[in-house]
Amino acid sequence: MHIALIEPEIPGNTGSVGRVCVGTGTSLHLVGTLGFSIDEKAVRRAGLDYWSKLDLHRHADFDALLQALPGHTFHLFSAHAATRYDRVTYGPTDVLVFGGETRGFPADLRARFADRMVYLPTLPEVRSLNLANAVTAVLFEALRQQDFPGIDRGTASVPAPQLKGVRGGPLKE
């Protein structure tokens, strides 16, 4: 799978997204002008020592991203969309695209890809979710639909932990 961030502005978000991408075997595409340098300490701090393992791609603009990934299905995530994220069927080569933290997508992209716009539900008081959190929620839904290809550790063979109450005893129902 692929994650694309259009003109991200906050280095910590991009670093966190990069770390999630490394942990899931997902490529990260940074598109357009960034609001920071990818060499910044904040990006590296959020990505920890995983940043060097990231499959990272840079693109001058959205059209360059489209050219780099011909034949891929693109899903653009926006609070202005009409289709909820869990009502989409995701495939292994899909591209999950997110706009910048304060600007979202430019109007021309929203119009051009109106049929590909998807949203995450929130209460009306909240304009949008944090970028890194939104990416993580959507990516794990997409991977869940595909039965977590290549990343599930097979935890069925690991015994469930014994949960303890506050004072060390078993939890009571």
C-alpha atoms as a PDB file:
ATOM      1  CA  MET A   1       0.000   0.000   0.000  1.00  0.00           C
ATOM      2  CA  HIS A   2       0.951   3.638  -0.308  1.00  0.00           C
ATOM      3  CA  ILE A   3       0.378   6.692   1.878  1.00  0.00           C
ATOM      4  CA  ALA A   4       0.665  10.115   0.235  1.00  0.00           C
ATOM      5  CA  LEU A   5       0.831  13.350   2.207  1.00  0.00           C
ATOM      6  CA  ILE A   6       0.101  16.499   0.214  1.00  0.00           C
ATOM      7  CA  GLU A   7       2.176  19.428   1.512  1.00  0.00           C
ATOM      8  CA  PRO A   8       2.382  18.282   5.142  1.00  0.00           C
ATOM      9  CA  GLU A   9       3.193  21.074   7.576  1.00  0.00           C
ATOM     10  CA  ILE A  10       4.089  19.491  10.909  1.00  0.00           C
ATOM     11  CA  PRO A  11       7.287  17.421  11.082  1.00  0.00           C
ATOM     12  CA  GLY A  12       6.129  15.319  14.034  1.00  0.00           C
ATOM     13  CA  ASN A  13       3.075  14.135  12.118  1.00  0.00           C
ATOM     14  CA  THR A  14       5.154  13.152   9.110  1.00  0.00           C
ATOM     15  CA  GLY A  15       7.639  11.355  11.352  1.00  0.00           C
ATOM     16  CA  SER A  16       4.835   9.439  13.053  1.00  0.00           C
ATOM     17  CA  VAL A  17       3.308   8.514   9.700  1.00  0.00           C
ATOM     18  CA  GLY A  18       6.732   7.348   8.525  1.00  0.00           C
ATOM     19  CA  ARG A  19       7.056   5.106  11.567  1.00  0.00           C
ATOM     20  CA  VAL A  20       3.630   3.556  10.909  1.00  0.00           C
ATOM     21  CA  CYS A  21       4.619   3.027   7.281  1.00  0.00           C
ATOM     22  CA  VAL A  22       7.801   1.197   8.289  1.00  0.00           C
ATOM     23  CA  GLY A  23       5.841  -0.964  10.724  1.00  0.00           C
ATOM     24  CA  THR A  24       3.323  -1.967   8.066  1.00  0.00           C
ATOM     25  CA  GLY A  25       5.530  -2.219   4.979  1.00  0.00           C
ATOM     26  CA  THR A  26       3.787   0.777   3.414  1.00  0.00           C
ATOM     27  CA  SER A  27       5.466   3.292   1.085  1.00  0.00           C
ATOM     28  CA  LEU A  28       5.302   6.976   2.011  1.00  0.00           C
ATOM     29  CA  HIS A  29       5.019   9.641  -0.683  1.00  0.00           C
ATOM     30  CA  LEU A  30       5.573  13.298   0.207  1.00  0.00           C
ATOM     31  CA  VAL A  31       4.051  15.603  -2.383  1.00  0.00           C
ATOM     32  CA  GLY A  32       4.681  19.269  -3.083  1.00  0.00           C
ATOM     33  CA  THR A  33       6.254  21.833  -0.797  1.00  0.00           C
ATOM     34  CA  LEU A  34       6.805  20.617   2.738  1.00  0.00           C
ATOM     35  CA  GLY A  35       6.398  22.889   5.742  1.00  0.00           C
ATOM     36  CA  PHE A  36       9.727  21.609   7.100  1.00  0.00           C
ATOM     37  CA  SER A  37      12.920  19.832   6.099  1.00  0.00           C
ATOM     38  CA  ILE A  38      12.823  16.048   6.270  1.00  0.00           C
ATOM     39  CA  ASP A  39      16.242  16.320   7.903  1.00  0.00           C
ATOM     40  CA  GLU A  40      14.722  18.127  10.903  1.00  0.00           C
ATOM     41  CA  LYS A  41      15.212  16.618  14.320  1.00  0.00           C
ATOM     42  CA  ALA A  42      11.430  16.595  14.924  1.00  0.00           C
ATOM     43  CA  VAL A  43      10.829  14.267  11.963  1.00  0.00           C
ATOM     44  CA  ARG A  44      13.596  11.946  13.052  1.00  0.00           C
ATOM     45  CA  ARG A  45      12.420  12.042  16.684  1.00  0.00           C
ATOM     46  CA  ALA A  46       8.866  11.023  15.750  1.00  0.00           C
ATOM     47  CA  GLY A  47      10.140   8.371  13.346  1.00  0.00           C
ATOM     48  CA  LEU A  48      12.778   7.247  15.854  1.00  0.00           C
ATOM     49  CA  ASP A  49      15.460   5.045  14.382  1.00  0.00           C
ATOM     50  CA  TYR A  50      13.007   3.723  11.785  1.00  0.00           C
ATOM     51  CA  TRP A  51      13.317   6.719   9.431  1.00  0.00           C
ATOM     52  CA  SER A  52      16.276   5.166   7.575  1.00  0.00           C
ATOM     53  CA  LYS A  53      14.164   2.039   6.883  1.00  0.00           C
ATOM     54  CA  LEU A  54      11.309   4.039   5.344  1.00  0.00           C
ATOM     55  CA  ASP A  55      10.403   3.511   1.661  1.00  0.00           C
ATOM     56  CA  LEU A  56      10.194   7.261   1.037  1.00  0.00           C
ATOM     57  CA  HIS A  57       9.348   8.956  -2.270  1.00  0.00           C
ATOM     58  CA  ARG A  58       9.210  12.684  -3.091  1.00  0.00           C
ATOM     59  CA  HIS A  59       7.025  14.203  -5.820  1.00  0.00           C
ATOM     60  CA  ALA A  60       6.944  17.795  -7.047  1.00  0.00           C
ATOM     61  CA  ASP A  61       3.146  17.851  -7.281  1.00  0.00           C
ATOM     62  CA  PHE A  62       0.066  15.628  -7.407  1.00  0.00           C
ATOM     63  CA  ASP A  63       0.358  15.000 -11.138  1.00  0.00           C
ATOM     64  CA  ALA A  64       3.896  13.680 -10.590  1.00  0.00           C
ATOM     65  CA  LEU A  65       2.484  11.293  -7.950  1.00  0.00           C
ATOM     66  CA  LEU A  66      -0.150  10.101 -10.432  1.00  0.00           C
ATOM     67  CA  GLN A  67       2.535   9.520 -13.064  1.00  0.00           C
ATOM     68  CA  ALA A  68       4.694   7.578 -10.604  1.00  0.00           C
ATOM     69  CA  LEU A  69       1.817   5.221  -9.702  1.00  0.00           C
ATOM     70  CA  PRO A  70      -0.118   4.549 -12.929  1.00  0.00           C
ATOM     71  CA  GLY A  71      -3.041   2.170 -12.624  1.00  0.00           C
ATOM     72  CA  HIS A  72      -3.259   2.540  -8.833  1.00  0.00           C
ATOM     73  CA  THR A  73      -6.511   3.414  -7.091  1.00  0.00           C
ATOM     74  CA  PHE A  74      -6.375   6.685  -5.169  1.00  0.00           C
ATOM     75  CA  HIS A  75      -8.532   7.496  -2.128  1.00  0.00           C
ATOM     76  CA  LEU A  76      -8.429  11.109  -0.913  1.00  0.00           C
ATOM     77  CA  PHE A  77      -9.384  11.693   2.723  1.00  0.00           C
ATOM     78  CA  SER A  78     -11.218  14.885   3.577  1.00  0.00           C
ATOM     79  CA  ALA A  79     -13.796  16.172   6.033  1.00  0.00           C
ATOM     80  CA  HIS A  80     -15.667  17.409   2.921  1.00  0.00           C
ATOM     81  CA  ALA A  81     -16.276  13.894   1.552  1.00  0.00           C
ATOM     82  CA  ALA A  82     -19.528  11.920   1.438  1.00  0.00           C
ATOM     83  CA  THR A  83     -18.196   8.328   1.658  1.00  0.00           C
ATOM     84  CA  ARG A  84     -17.169   6.950   5.044  1.00  0.00           C
ATOM     85  CA  TYR A  85     -13.727   5.293   5.180  1.00  0.00           C
ATOM     86  CA  ASP A  86     -14.989   1.895   6.322  1.00  0.00           C
ATOM     87  CA  ARG A  87     -17.394   1.639   3.393  1.00  0.00           C
ATOM     88  CA  VAL A  88     -14.553   1.514   0.876  1.00  0.00           C
ATOM     89  CA  THR A  89     -12.910  -1.678  -0.350  1.00  0.00           C
ATOM     90  CA  TYR A  90      -9.134  -1.259  -0.301  1.00  0.00           C
ATOM     91  CA  GLY A  91      -6.590  -3.199  -2.359  1.00  0.00           C
ATOM     92  CA  PRO A  92      -2.878  -3.926  -1.885  1.00  0.00           C
ATOM     93  CA  THR A  93      -1.681  -1.230  -4.305  1.00  0.00           C
ATOM     94  CA  ASP A  94      -4.124   1.506  -3.285  1.00  0.00           C
ATOM     95  CA  VAL A  95      -2.883   4.990  -2.457  1.00  0.00           C
ATOM     96  CA  LEU A  96      -4.331   6.659   0.638  1.00  0.00           C
ATOM     97  CA  VAL A  97      -3.931  10.421   0.160  1.00  0.00           C
ATOM     98  CA  PHE A  98      -4.128  13.043   2.918  1.00  0.00           C
ATOM     99  CA  GLY A  99      -3.979  16.842   2.665  1.00  0.00           C
ATOM    100  CA  GLY A 100      -1.926  19.244   4.760  1.00  0.00           C
ATOM    101  CA  GLU A 101      -2.846  19.721   8.410  1.00  0.00           C
ATOM    102  CA  THR A 102      -4.321  23.234   8.174  1.00  0.00           C
ATOM    103  CA  ARG A 103      -5.279  23.468   4.496  1.00  0.00           C
ATOM    104  CA  GLY A 104      -6.461  20.018   3.484  1.00  0.00           C
ATOM    105  CA  PHE A 105      -6.679  19.582  -0.279  1.00  0.00           C
ATOM    106  CA  PRO A 106      -6.702  22.410  -2.785  1.00  0.00           C
ATOM    107  CA  ALA A 107     -10.173  23.016  -4.272  1.00  0.00           C
ATOM    108  CA  ASP A 108      -9.062  21.809  -7.718  1.00  0.00           C
ATOM    109  CA  LEU A 109      -8.064  18.387  -6.321  1.00  0.00           C
ATOM    110  CA  ARG A 110     -11.352  18.093  -4.396  1.00  0.00           C
ATOM    111  CA  ALA A 111     -13.259  18.827  -7.607  1.00  0.00           C
ATOM    112  CA  ARG A 112     -11.088  16.592  -9.796  1.00  0.00           C
ATOM    113  CA  PHE A 113     -11.375  13.604  -7.458  1.00  0.00           C
ATOM    114  CA  ALA A 114     -14.833  14.208  -5.985  1.00  0.00           C
ATOM    115  CA  ASP A 115     -15.771  10.563  -6.602  1.00  0.00           C
ATOM    116  CA  ARG A 116     -12.654   9.367  -4.698  1.00  0.00           C
ATOM    117  CA  MET A 117     -13.128  11.485  -1.554  1.00  0.00           C
ATOM    118  CA  VAL A 118     -13.514   9.636   1.760  1.00  0.00           C
ATOM    119  CA  TYR A 119     -14.002  10.816   5.349  1.00  0.00           C
ATOM    120  CA  LEU A 120     -13.509   9.613   8.913  1.00  0.00           C
ATOM    121  CA  PRO A 121     -16.515  10.250  11.165  1.00  0.00           C
ATOM    122  CA  THR A 122     -16.143  12.784  13.979  1.00  0.00           C
ATOM    123  CA  LEU A 123     -18.465  14.830  16.149  1.00  0.00           C
ATOM    124  CA  PRO A 124     -19.537  18.115  14.526  1.00  0.00           C
ATOM    125  CA  GLU A 125     -17.437  20.166  16.974  1.00  0.00           C
ATOM    126  CA  VAL A 126     -14.245  18.642  15.552  1.00  0.00           C
ATOM    127  CA  ARG A 127     -13.175  19.871  12.093  1.00  0.00           C
ATOM    128  CA  SER A 128     -10.720  17.049  11.563  1.00  0.00           C
ATOM    129  CA  LEU A 129      -8.498  14.525  13.287  1.00  0.00           C
ATOM    130  CA  ASN A 130      -4.756  14.779  13.731  1.00  0.00           C
ATOM    131  CA  LEU A 131      -3.062  13.796  10.466  1.00  0.00           C
ATOM    132  CA  ALA A 132      -0.949  10.968  11.908  1.00  0.00           C
ATOM    133  CA  ASN A 133      -3.949   9.549  13.775  1.00  0.00           C
ATOM    134  CA  ALA A 134      -6.167   9.699  10.688  1.00  0.00           C
ATOM    135  CA  VAL A 135      -3.523   7.982   8.538  1.00  0.00           C
ATOM    136  CA  THR A 136      -3.113   5.226  11.125  1.00  0.00           C
ATOM    137  CA  ALA A 137      -6.867   4.615  11.451  1.00  0.00           C
ATOM    138  CA  VAL A 138      -7.405   4.398   7.698  1.00  0.00           C
ATOM    139  CA  LEU A 139      -4.283   2.350   6.978  1.00  0.00           C
ATOM    140  CA  PHE A 140      -5.163  -0.266   9.582  1.00  0.00           C
ATOM    141  CA  GLU A 141      -8.723  -0.534   8.229  1.00  0.00           C
ATOM    142  CA  ALA A 142      -7.311  -1.051   4.730  1.00  0.00           C
ATOM    143  CA  LEU A 143      -4.834  -3.660   6.004  1.00  0.00           C
ATOM    144  CA  ARG A 144      -7.526  -5.372   8.117  1.00  0.00           C
ATOM    145  CA  GLN A 145      -9.633  -5.828   4.992  1.00  0.00           C
ATOM    146  CA  GLN A 146      -6.658  -7.607   3.421  1.00  0.00           C
ATOM    147  CA  ASP A 147      -5.982  -9.742   6.539  1.00  0.00           C
ATOM    148  CA  PHE A 148      -2.796  -7.805   7.376  1.00  0.00           C
ATOM    149  CA  PRO A 149      -0.688  -9.206   4.525  1.00  0.00           C
ATOM    150  CA  GLY A 150       2.828 -10.021   5.632  1.00  0.00           C
ATOM    151  CA  ILE A 151       2.657  -8.143   8.936  1.00  0.00           C
ATOM    152  CA  ASP A 152       0.542 -10.276  11.283  1.00  0.00           C
ATOM    153  CA  ARG A 153       2.821 -11.959  13.781  1.00  0.00           C
ATOM    154  CA  GLY A 154       0.459 -14.911  14.181  1.00  0.00           C
ATOM    155  CA  THR A 155      -0.461 -13.957  17.732  1.00  0.00           C
ATOM    156  CA  ALA A 156      -2.993 -16.799  17.920  1.00  0.00           C
ATOM    157  CA  SER A 157      -0.205 -19.042  19.221  1.00  0.00           C
ATOM    158  CA  VAL A 158       0.690 -16.649  22.044  1.00  0.00           C
ATOM    159  CA  PRO A 159      -1.300 -17.198  25.249  1.00  0.00           C
ATOM    160  CA  ALA A 160      -3.522 -14.326  26.328  1.00  0.00           C
ATOM    161  CA  PRO A 161      -2.107 -12.301  29.238  1.00  0.00           C
ATOM    162  CA  GLN A 162      -3.687 -12.702  32.647  1.00  0.00           C
ATOM    163  CA  LEU A 163      -5.320  -9.387  33.500  1.00  0.00           C
ATOM    164  CA  LYS A 164      -5.030  -8.180  37.068  1.00  0.00           C
ATOM    165  CA  GLY A 165      -7.188  -5.730  39.008  1.00  0.00           C
ATOM    166  CA  VAL A 166      -5.875  -2.617  40.713  1.00  0.00           C
ATOM    167  CA  ARG A 167      -4.743  -4.564  43.793  1.00  0.00           C
ATOM    168  CA  GLY A 168      -3.241  -7.455  41.834  1.00  0.00           C
ATOM    169  CA  GLY A 169      -6.305  -9.688  41.902  1.00  0.00           C
ATOM    170  CA  PRO A 170      -8.357 -10.828  38.951  1.00  0.00           C
ATOM    171  CA  LEU A 171     -10.743  -8.388  37.322  1.00  0.00           C
ATOM    172  CA  LYS A 172     -14.369  -8.781  38.379  1.00  0.00           C
ATOM    173  CA  GLU A 173     -17.267  -8.331  36.036  1.00  0.00           C
END
